[in-house]
């Protein structure tokens, strides 16, 4: 059961974790190598993870130490970067990622509040990746009307996200 829980949490966090590592090691191959090392370290120490807490934050902390270990082993960074600089970038990355998670959660709630007509437009444009012209043809509406509707929907969603995030900060 523990392996299933780990696999679910790690799989959901892997793209985020790679992006985090890549901000600290801007070489793609190095970041992939450290991601593999991090995944092993996470698995080996999963019994130390307090379930119910933030897996991504815990994984990033483990990844941070893996990055430091990797840099120490390689010692081939063209410009020496201090541990403090790496920590500052790591902390900022975690904060930005949490902010993005909050925004995505708010967006999902806002999209759920849209009417069926607006959701259909969003699904066709973003979900299916259809061009505006194709959507207009499918719906028998002018291209300009579809463009204006998408602009209106984006503005509504932006305002809704802003309100949702403001309410979260207050509450």
N, C-alpha and C. Protein backbone atom coordinates (compact mmCIF):
# COMPACT_ATOMS: atom_id res chain seq x y z
N UNK A 1 0.83 -1.20 0.00
CA UNK A 1 0.00 0.00 0.00
C UNK A 1 0.87 1.25 0.00
N UNK A 2 1.96 1.19 0.76
CA UNK A 2 2.85 2.35 0.84
C UNK A 2 3.44 2.69 -0.53
N UNK A 3 3.77 1.67 -1.30
CA UNK A 3 4.34 1.93 -2.63
C UNK A 3 3.31 2.57 -3.55
N UNK A 4 2.04 2.20 -3.43
CA UNK A 4 0.99 2.80 -4.25
C UNK A 4 0.81 4.27 -3.89
N UNK A 5 0.86 4.58 -2.61
CA UNK A 5 0.72 5.97 -2.17
C UNK A 5 1.90 6.79 -2.68
N UNK A 6 3.10 6.24 -2.52
CA UNK A 6 4.28 6.95 -3.01
C UNK A 6 4.18 7.19 -4.51
N UNK A 7 3.84 6.16 -5.25
CA UNK A 7 3.77 6.27 -6.70
C UNK A 7 2.76 7.33 -7.13
N UNK A 8 1.61 7.37 -6.47
CA UNK A 8 0.58 8.36 -6.80
C UNK A 8 1.10 9.77 -6.53
N UNK A 9 1.68 9.99 -5.36
CA UNK A 9 2.18 11.32 -5.00
C UNK A 9 3.34 11.74 -5.89
N UNK A 10 4.27 10.82 -6.12
CA UNK A 10 5.43 11.16 -6.93
C UNK A 10 5.05 11.43 -8.38
N UNK A 11 4.19 10.60 -8.94
CA UNK A 11 3.77 10.79 -10.32
C UNK A 11 3.08 12.13 -10.52
N UNK A 12 2.24 12.51 -9.57
CA UNK A 12 1.55 13.80 -9.66
C UNK A 12 2.51 14.97 -9.52
N UNK A 13 3.60 14.77 -8.80
CA UNK A 13 4.55 15.86 -8.52
C UNK A 13 5.75 15.88 -9.45
N UNK A 14 5.96 14.85 -10.24
CA UNK A 14 7.19 14.74 -11.02
C UNK A 14 7.44 15.91 -11.97
N UNK A 15 6.46 16.38 -12.76
CA UNK A 15 6.75 17.52 -13.64
C UNK A 15 7.14 18.77 -12.85
N UNK A 16 6.45 19.00 -11.75
CA UNK A 16 6.75 20.14 -10.89
C UNK A 16 8.16 20.00 -10.31
N UNK A 17 8.49 18.81 -9.87
CA UNK A 17 9.80 18.56 -9.26
C UNK A 17 10.91 18.76 -10.28
N UNK A 18 10.69 18.28 -11.50
CA UNK A 18 11.70 18.48 -12.54
C UNK A 18 11.90 19.97 -12.81
N UNK A 19 10.80 20.72 -12.90
CA UNK A 19 10.90 22.16 -13.15
C UNK A 19 11.68 22.84 -12.02
N UNK A 20 11.42 22.43 -10.80
CA UNK A 20 12.14 22.98 -9.64
C UNK A 20 13.64 22.70 -9.77
N UNK A 21 13.99 21.46 -10.04
CA UNK A 21 15.41 21.09 -10.17
C UNK A 21 16.05 21.84 -11.33
N UNK A 22 15.31 21.96 -12.42
CA UNK A 22 15.84 22.64 -13.61
C UNK A 22 16.13 24.11 -13.35
N UNK A 23 15.40 24.74 -12.42
CA UNK A 23 15.71 26.13 -12.08
C UNK A 23 17.04 26.22 -11.33
N UNK A 24 17.43 25.15 -10.68
CA UNK A 24 18.67 25.15 -9.92
C UNK A 24 19.86 24.60 -10.71
N UNK A 25 19.57 23.78 -11.70
CA UNK A 25 20.60 23.21 -12.57
C UNK A 25 20.13 23.40 -14.01
N UNK A 26 20.48 24.50 -14.63
CA UNK A 26 19.90 24.80 -15.94
C UNK A 26 20.42 23.97 -17.11
N UNK A 27 21.01 22.83 -16.83
CA UNK A 27 21.37 21.90 -17.90
C UNK A 27 20.37 20.75 -17.83
N UNK A 28 19.67 20.52 -18.94
CA UNK A 28 18.58 19.53 -18.99
C UNK A 28 19.04 18.16 -18.52
N UNK A 29 20.18 17.70 -19.01
CA UNK A 29 20.68 16.37 -18.65
C UNK A 29 21.02 16.28 -17.17
N UNK A 30 21.64 17.33 -16.63
CA UNK A 30 21.94 17.35 -15.20
C UNK A 30 20.66 17.30 -14.38
N UNK A 31 19.67 18.08 -14.80
CA UNK A 31 18.39 18.11 -14.07
C UNK A 31 17.72 16.74 -14.11
N UNK A 32 17.78 16.06 -15.25
CA UNK A 32 17.19 14.71 -15.34
C UNK A 32 17.93 13.73 -14.42
N UNK A 33 19.25 13.85 -14.40
CA UNK A 33 20.03 12.97 -13.53
C UNK A 33 19.68 13.19 -12.07
N UNK A 34 19.58 14.45 -11.67
CA UNK A 34 19.24 14.76 -10.28
C UNK A 34 17.80 14.35 -9.96
N UNK A 35 16.91 14.46 -10.94
CA UNK A 35 15.54 13.99 -10.71
C UNK A 35 15.53 12.50 -10.40
N UNK A 36 16.34 11.73 -11.13
CA UNK A 36 16.42 10.29 -10.86
C UNK A 36 16.99 10.02 -9.46
N UNK A 37 18.04 10.75 -9.11
CA UNK A 37 18.62 10.60 -7.78
C UNK A 37 17.62 11.00 -6.71
N UNK A 38 16.87 12.05 -6.98
CA UNK A 38 15.87 12.53 -6.03
C UNK A 38 14.76 11.50 -5.86
N UNK A 39 14.33 10.90 -6.96
CA UNK A 39 13.25 9.91 -6.86
C UNK A 39 13.68 8.73 -5.99
N UNK A 40 14.94 8.31 -6.13
CA UNK A 40 15.45 7.23 -5.27
C UNK A 40 15.52 7.66 -3.81
N UNK A 41 16.00 8.87 -3.59
CA UNK A 41 16.09 9.38 -2.22
C UNK A 41 14.71 9.52 -1.60
N UNK A 42 13.75 9.97 -2.38
CA UNK A 42 12.38 10.10 -1.87
C UNK A 42 11.81 8.74 -1.50
N UNK A 43 12.03 7.76 -2.38
CA UNK A 43 11.52 6.41 -2.10
C UNK A 43 12.16 5.83 -0.83
N UNK A 44 13.49 6.00 -0.73
CA UNK A 44 14.20 5.45 0.43
C UNK A 44 13.76 6.10 1.74
N UNK A 45 13.37 7.37 1.68
CA UNK A 45 13.01 8.07 2.92
C UNK A 45 11.51 8.33 3.03
N UNK A 46 10.70 7.63 2.22
CA UNK A 46 9.26 7.87 2.22
C UNK A 46 8.62 7.61 3.58
N UNK A 47 9.20 6.69 4.36
CA UNK A 47 8.64 6.43 5.69
C UNK A 47 8.79 7.63 6.62
N UNK A 48 9.66 8.59 6.26
CA UNK A 48 9.82 9.82 7.05
C UNK A 48 8.81 10.89 6.66
N UNK A 49 8.16 10.71 5.51
CA UNK A 49 7.18 11.70 5.05
C UNK A 49 5.93 11.60 5.91
N UNK A 50 5.49 12.73 6.40
CA UNK A 50 4.29 12.81 7.22
C UNK A 50 3.08 12.94 6.29
N UNK A 51 2.38 11.82 6.06
CA UNK A 51 1.25 11.84 5.14
C UNK A 51 0.19 12.83 5.62
N UNK A 52 -0.36 13.55 4.66
CA UNK A 52 -1.31 14.61 4.98
C UNK A 52 -0.66 15.98 4.90
N UNK A 53 0.69 15.99 4.84
CA UNK A 53 1.39 17.26 4.65
C UNK A 53 1.68 17.42 3.16
N UNK A 54 2.38 18.48 2.81
CA UNK A 54 2.63 18.83 1.42
C UNK A 54 3.77 18.00 0.84
N UNK A 55 3.42 17.02 0.00
CA UNK A 55 4.43 16.14 -0.59
C UNK A 55 5.39 16.94 -1.48
N UNK A 56 4.86 17.89 -2.27
CA UNK A 56 5.71 18.67 -3.17
C UNK A 56 6.77 19.44 -2.39
N UNK A 57 6.37 20.05 -1.30
CA UNK A 57 7.33 20.81 -0.49
C UNK A 57 8.41 19.89 0.07
N UNK A 58 8.00 18.74 0.58
CA UNK A 58 8.96 17.77 1.10
C UNK A 58 9.89 17.28 0.00
N UNK A 59 9.32 16.98 -1.16
CA UNK A 59 10.13 16.49 -2.28
C UNK A 59 11.13 17.55 -2.74
N UNK A 60 10.70 18.81 -2.73
CA UNK A 60 11.61 19.89 -3.13
C UNK A 60 12.77 20.03 -2.16
N UNK A 61 12.50 19.85 -0.89
CA UNK A 61 13.58 19.93 0.10
C UNK A 61 14.59 18.82 -0.14
N UNK A 62 14.11 17.62 -0.41
CA UNK A 62 15.00 16.50 -0.72
C UNK A 62 15.77 16.80 -2.00
N UNK A 63 15.07 17.31 -3.01
CA UNK A 63 15.71 17.65 -4.29
C UNK A 63 16.78 18.72 -4.09
N UNK A 64 16.52 19.69 -3.23
CA UNK A 64 17.48 20.75 -2.96
C UNK A 64 18.82 20.14 -2.50
N UNK A 65 18.75 19.20 -1.57
CA UNK A 65 19.99 18.58 -1.07
C UNK A 65 20.63 17.69 -2.13
N UNK A 66 19.83 17.10 -2.99
CA UNK A 66 20.38 16.32 -4.09
C UNK A 66 21.13 17.22 -5.08
N UNK A 67 20.59 18.42 -5.31
CA UNK A 67 21.24 19.40 -6.19
C UNK A 67 22.58 19.81 -5.60
N UNK A 68 22.59 20.11 -4.30
CA UNK A 68 23.85 20.48 -3.65
C UNK A 68 24.87 19.36 -3.74
N UNK A 69 24.43 18.14 -3.51
CA UNK A 69 25.32 16.99 -3.59
C UNK A 69 25.85 16.81 -5.03
N UNK A 70 24.98 16.97 -6.00
CA UNK A 70 25.38 16.86 -7.40
C UNK A 70 26.42 17.91 -7.75
N UNK A 71 26.18 19.16 -7.34
CA UNK A 71 27.11 20.24 -7.64
C UNK A 71 28.47 19.98 -6.97
N UNK A 72 28.46 19.44 -5.79
CA UNK A 72 29.71 19.16 -5.09
C UNK A 72 30.48 18.06 -5.82
N UNK A 73 29.77 17.04 -6.29
CA UNK A 73 30.43 15.95 -7.03
C UNK A 73 30.99 16.42 -8.36
N UNK A 74 30.26 17.24 -9.05
CA UNK A 74 30.65 17.66 -10.40
C UNK A 74 31.67 18.79 -10.40
N UNK A 75 31.49 19.73 -9.55
CA UNK A 75 32.39 20.89 -9.46
C UNK A 75 32.77 21.42 -10.84
N UNK A 76 31.78 21.54 -11.71
CA UNK A 76 32.08 22.06 -13.04
C UNK A 76 31.16 23.22 -13.42
N UNK A 77 30.71 23.92 -12.44
CA UNK A 77 29.86 25.07 -12.72
C UNK A 77 30.74 26.20 -13.23
N UNK A 78 30.45 26.77 -14.40
CA UNK A 78 31.30 27.81 -14.97
C UNK A 78 31.45 29.03 -14.07
N UNK A 79 30.36 29.43 -13.44
CA UNK A 79 30.41 30.57 -12.53
C UNK A 79 30.04 30.05 -11.15
N UNK A 80 30.92 30.22 -10.18
CA UNK A 80 30.60 29.71 -8.84
C UNK A 80 29.34 30.38 -8.31
N UNK A 81 28.44 29.54 -7.83
CA UNK A 81 27.20 30.04 -7.25
C UNK A 81 27.19 29.61 -5.80
N UNK A 82 26.95 30.54 -4.92
CA UNK A 82 26.99 30.23 -3.50
C UNK A 82 25.76 29.42 -3.09
N UNK A 83 25.89 28.73 -2.01
CA UNK A 83 24.76 27.97 -1.46
C UNK A 83 23.61 28.92 -1.14
N UNK A 84 23.92 30.11 -0.65
CA UNK A 84 22.88 31.09 -0.32
C UNK A 84 22.08 31.49 -1.56
N UNK A 85 22.78 31.65 -2.68
CA UNK A 85 22.09 32.00 -3.92
C UNK A 85 21.18 30.87 -4.37
N UNK A 86 21.67 29.65 -4.26
CA UNK A 86 20.85 28.50 -4.62
C UNK A 86 19.63 28.41 -3.70
N UNK A 87 19.83 28.62 -2.40
CA UNK A 87 18.72 28.59 -1.46
C UNK A 87 17.69 29.67 -1.79
N UNK A 88 18.16 30.85 -2.15
CA UNK A 88 17.24 31.94 -2.49
C UNK A 88 16.40 31.58 -3.71
N UNK A 89 17.04 31.03 -4.73
CA UNK A 89 16.31 30.61 -5.94
C UNK A 89 15.34 29.48 -5.58
N UNK A 90 15.79 28.53 -4.78
CA UNK A 90 14.92 27.41 -4.39
C UNK A 90 13.71 27.90 -3.63
N UNK A 91 13.91 28.80 -2.68
CA UNK A 91 12.79 29.33 -1.89
C UNK A 91 11.81 30.07 -2.77
N UNK A 92 12.31 30.88 -3.68
CA UNK A 92 11.45 31.65 -4.58
C UNK A 92 10.67 30.72 -5.51
N UNK A 93 11.32 29.67 -5.96
CA UNK A 93 10.65 28.71 -6.84
C UNK A 93 9.50 28.03 -6.12
N UNK A 94 9.71 27.63 -4.88
CA UNK A 94 8.65 26.99 -4.10
C UNK A 94 7.49 27.96 -3.89
N UNK A 95 7.79 29.21 -3.58
CA UNK A 95 6.73 30.21 -3.39
C UNK A 95 5.95 30.44 -4.68
N UNK A 96 6.65 30.56 -5.79
CA UNK A 96 5.97 30.77 -7.07
C UNK A 96 5.12 29.56 -7.44
N UNK A 97 5.62 28.38 -7.17
CA UNK A 97 4.86 27.17 -7.48
C UNK A 97 3.60 27.09 -6.64
N UNK A 98 3.69 27.47 -5.37
CA UNK A 98 2.50 27.46 -4.51
C UNK A 98 1.49 28.47 -5.02
N UNK A 99 1.98 29.63 -5.44
CA UNK A 99 1.10 30.65 -6.00
C UNK A 99 0.41 30.14 -7.26
N UNK A 100 1.17 29.45 -8.10
CA UNK A 100 0.59 28.88 -9.32
C UNK A 100 -0.45 27.82 -8.99
N UNK A 101 -0.16 26.97 -8.01
CA UNK A 101 -1.14 25.97 -7.58
C UNK A 101 -2.43 26.63 -7.12
N UNK A 102 -2.31 27.71 -6.34
CA UNK A 102 -3.48 28.46 -5.87
C UNK A 102 -4.27 29.03 -7.05
N UNK A 103 -3.55 29.58 -8.01
CA UNK A 103 -4.21 30.17 -9.18
C UNK A 103 -4.92 29.09 -10.01
N UNK A 104 -4.28 27.95 -10.19
CA UNK A 104 -4.90 26.86 -10.95
C UNK A 104 -6.15 26.33 -10.25
N UNK A 105 -6.09 26.22 -8.94
CA UNK A 105 -7.26 25.77 -8.17
C UNK A 105 -8.40 26.77 -8.32
N UNK A 106 -8.07 28.07 -8.24
CA UNK A 106 -9.09 29.10 -8.41
C UNK A 106 -9.65 29.07 -9.83
N UNK A 107 -8.78 28.89 -10.82
CA UNK A 107 -9.24 28.81 -12.21
C UNK A 107 -10.22 27.66 -12.40
N UNK A 108 -9.91 26.51 -11.83
CA UNK A 108 -10.81 25.35 -11.96
C UNK A 108 -12.18 25.68 -11.38
N UNK A 109 -12.21 26.32 -10.23
CA UNK A 109 -13.49 26.71 -9.62
C UNK A 109 -14.24 27.71 -10.48
N UNK A 110 -13.52 28.65 -11.05
CA UNK A 110 -14.15 29.67 -11.89
C UNK A 110 -14.69 29.08 -13.19
N UNK A 111 -13.96 28.17 -13.78
CA UNK A 111 -14.42 27.52 -15.01
C UNK A 111 -15.70 26.73 -14.73
N UNK A 112 -15.75 26.09 -13.57
CA UNK A 112 -16.94 25.32 -13.21
C UNK A 112 -18.18 26.20 -13.07
N UNK A 113 -17.99 27.48 -12.81
CA UNK A 113 -19.12 28.41 -12.66
C UNK A 113 -19.62 28.97 -13.99
N UNK A 114 -18.89 28.74 -15.06
CA UNK A 114 -19.30 29.25 -16.37
C UNK A 114 -20.55 28.54 -16.87
N UNK A 115 -21.29 29.23 -17.72
CA UNK A 115 -22.43 28.62 -18.36
C UNK A 115 -21.99 27.63 -19.41
N UNK A 116 -22.91 26.78 -19.87
CA UNK A 116 -22.55 25.74 -20.85
C UNK A 116 -22.02 26.30 -22.16
N UNK A 117 -22.55 27.41 -22.60
CA UNK A 117 -22.11 28.00 -23.87
C UNK A 117 -20.64 28.46 -23.78
N UNK A 118 -20.31 29.13 -22.68
CA UNK A 118 -18.93 29.59 -22.48
C UNK A 118 -17.97 28.41 -22.30
N UNK A 119 -18.42 27.39 -21.58
CA UNK A 119 -17.57 26.20 -21.38
C UNK A 119 -17.30 25.50 -22.71
N UNK A 120 -18.31 25.47 -23.57
CA UNK A 120 -18.14 24.84 -24.88
C UNK A 120 -17.07 25.57 -25.68
N UNK A 121 -17.12 26.89 -25.66
CA UNK A 121 -16.09 27.67 -26.37
C UNK A 121 -14.70 27.38 -25.82
N UNK A 122 -14.58 27.41 -24.49
CA UNK A 122 -13.28 27.13 -23.87
C UNK A 122 -12.80 25.71 -24.20
N UNK A 123 -13.69 24.75 -24.11
CA UNK A 123 -13.31 23.36 -24.40
C UNK A 123 -12.82 23.20 -25.84
N UNK A 124 -13.51 23.85 -26.76
CA UNK A 124 -13.11 23.72 -28.16
C UNK A 124 -11.79 24.44 -28.43
N UNK A 125 -11.63 25.62 -27.84
CA UNK A 125 -10.43 26.42 -28.11
C UNK A 125 -9.21 25.86 -27.37
N UNK A 126 -9.34 25.66 -26.04
CA UNK A 126 -8.19 25.22 -25.24
C UNK A 126 -8.10 23.70 -25.14
N UNK A 127 -9.23 23.05 -24.95
CA UNK A 127 -9.21 21.60 -24.79
C UNK A 127 -8.88 20.86 -26.07
N UNK A 128 -9.56 21.23 -27.15
CA UNK A 128 -9.33 20.56 -28.43
C UNK A 128 -8.30 21.28 -29.28
N UNK A 129 -7.98 22.51 -28.92
CA UNK A 129 -6.98 23.28 -29.68
C UNK A 129 -7.46 23.72 -31.05
N UNK A 130 -8.77 23.88 -31.19
CA UNK A 130 -9.31 24.29 -32.48
C UNK A 130 -9.07 25.77 -32.74
N UNK A 131 -8.79 26.14 -33.98
CA UNK A 131 -8.65 27.56 -34.31
C UNK A 131 -10.02 28.25 -34.23
N UNK A 132 -10.00 29.54 -33.98
CA UNK A 132 -11.23 30.32 -33.87
C UNK A 132 -12.08 30.16 -35.13
N UNK A 133 -11.44 30.17 -36.27
CA UNK A 133 -12.18 30.04 -37.53
C UNK A 133 -12.98 28.73 -37.58
N UNK A 134 -12.37 27.64 -37.16
CA UNK A 134 -13.05 26.34 -37.16
C UNK A 134 -14.21 26.34 -36.18
N UNK A 135 -14.01 26.91 -35.01
CA UNK A 135 -15.10 26.99 -34.01
C UNK A 135 -16.25 27.80 -34.58
N UNK A 136 -15.93 28.92 -35.21
CA UNK A 136 -16.98 29.77 -35.80
C UNK A 136 -17.77 29.00 -36.85
N UNK A 137 -17.06 28.25 -37.66
CA UNK A 137 -17.74 27.45 -38.70
C UNK A 137 -18.64 26.38 -38.07
N UNK A 138 -18.11 25.71 -37.04
CA UNK A 138 -18.89 24.66 -36.38
C UNK A 138 -20.16 25.21 -35.74
N UNK A 139 -20.06 26.40 -35.17
CA UNK A 139 -21.20 26.98 -34.46
C UNK A 139 -22.05 27.88 -35.36
N UNK A 140 -21.60 28.11 -36.58
CA UNK A 140 -22.34 28.96 -37.50
C UNK A 140 -22.40 30.41 -37.04
N UNK A 141 -21.28 30.86 -36.47
CA UNK A 141 -21.19 32.24 -35.97
C UNK A 141 -19.99 32.92 -36.62
N UNK A 142 -20.03 34.26 -36.70
CA UNK A 142 -18.88 34.97 -37.27
C UNK A 142 -17.62 34.81 -36.41
N UNK A 143 -16.47 34.83 -37.07
CA UNK A 143 -15.18 34.72 -36.38
C UNK A 143 -15.03 35.81 -35.32
N UNK A 144 -15.43 37.04 -35.66
CA UNK A 144 -15.33 38.15 -34.72
C UNK A 144 -16.14 37.91 -33.45
N UNK A 145 -17.28 37.29 -33.59
CA UNK A 145 -18.13 36.99 -32.43
C UNK A 145 -17.44 36.00 -31.50
N UNK A 146 -16.82 34.99 -32.08
CA UNK A 146 -16.12 33.97 -31.28
C UNK A 146 -14.92 34.61 -30.58
N UNK A 147 -14.19 35.44 -31.31
CA UNK A 147 -13.03 36.12 -30.73
C UNK A 147 -13.44 37.00 -29.56
N UNK A 148 -14.50 37.76 -29.73
CA UNK A 148 -14.99 38.64 -28.65
C UNK A 148 -15.48 37.82 -27.46
N UNK A 149 -16.15 36.71 -27.74
CA UNK A 149 -16.64 35.86 -26.65
C UNK A 149 -15.47 35.28 -25.85
N UNK A 150 -14.44 34.81 -26.54
CA UNK A 150 -13.27 34.27 -25.83
C UNK A 150 -12.58 35.34 -25.00
N UNK A 151 -12.50 36.56 -25.54
CA UNK A 151 -11.90 37.66 -24.79
C UNK A 151 -12.72 37.96 -23.54
N UNK A 152 -14.05 37.99 -23.69
CA UNK A 152 -14.95 38.24 -22.56
C UNK A 152 -14.79 37.15 -21.50
N UNK A 153 -14.73 35.90 -21.94
CA UNK A 153 -14.59 34.77 -21.00
C UNK A 153 -13.26 34.87 -20.25
N UNK A 154 -12.19 35.18 -20.97
CA UNK A 154 -10.87 35.31 -20.31
C UNK A 154 -10.91 36.41 -19.25
N UNK A 155 -11.53 37.52 -19.58
CA UNK A 155 -11.62 38.63 -18.61
C UNK A 155 -12.45 38.20 -17.39
N UNK A 156 -13.54 37.51 -17.63
CA UNK A 156 -14.38 37.03 -16.52
C UNK A 156 -13.58 36.07 -15.63
N UNK A 157 -12.86 35.16 -16.26
CA UNK A 157 -12.07 34.20 -15.49
C UNK A 157 -10.97 34.89 -14.69
N UNK A 158 -10.31 35.85 -15.31
CA UNK A 158 -9.26 36.58 -14.60
C UNK A 158 -9.83 37.28 -13.37
N UNK A 159 -10.96 37.97 -13.55
CA UNK A 159 -11.59 38.68 -12.42
C UNK A 159 -12.03 37.68 -11.35
N UNK A 160 -12.57 36.55 -11.77
CA UNK A 160 -13.01 35.53 -10.82
C UNK A 160 -11.82 34.98 -10.02
N UNK A 161 -10.72 34.72 -10.71
CA UNK A 161 -9.52 34.21 -10.03
C UNK A 161 -9.03 35.23 -9.01
N UNK A 162 -8.97 36.49 -9.42
CA UNK A 162 -8.53 37.55 -8.50
C UNK A 162 -9.42 37.59 -7.25
N UNK A 163 -10.73 37.52 -7.45
CA UNK A 163 -11.67 37.54 -6.30
C UNK A 163 -11.46 36.32 -5.42
N UNK A 164 -11.32 35.16 -6.03
CA UNK A 164 -11.14 33.92 -5.26
C UNK A 164 -9.87 33.97 -4.43
N UNK A 165 -8.79 34.43 -5.03
CA UNK A 165 -7.52 34.50 -4.29
C UNK A 165 -7.59 35.53 -3.17
N UNK A 166 -8.26 36.66 -3.43
CA UNK A 166 -8.42 37.69 -2.40
C UNK A 166 -9.25 37.14 -1.23
N UNK A 167 -10.29 36.38 -1.55
CA UNK A 167 -11.12 35.79 -0.50
C UNK A 167 -10.35 34.78 0.32
N UNK A 168 -9.47 34.00 -0.34
CA UNK A 168 -8.65 33.02 0.38
C UNK A 168 -7.71 33.71 1.36
N UNK A 169 -7.14 34.85 0.92
CA UNK A 169 -6.22 35.58 1.80
C UNK A 169 -6.94 36.15 3.00
N UNK A 170 -8.19 36.57 2.82
CA UNK A 170 -8.97 37.14 3.92
C UNK A 170 -9.45 36.06 4.88
N UNK A 171 -9.79 34.91 4.34
CA UNK A 171 -10.42 33.87 5.14
C UNK A 171 -9.45 32.91 5.65
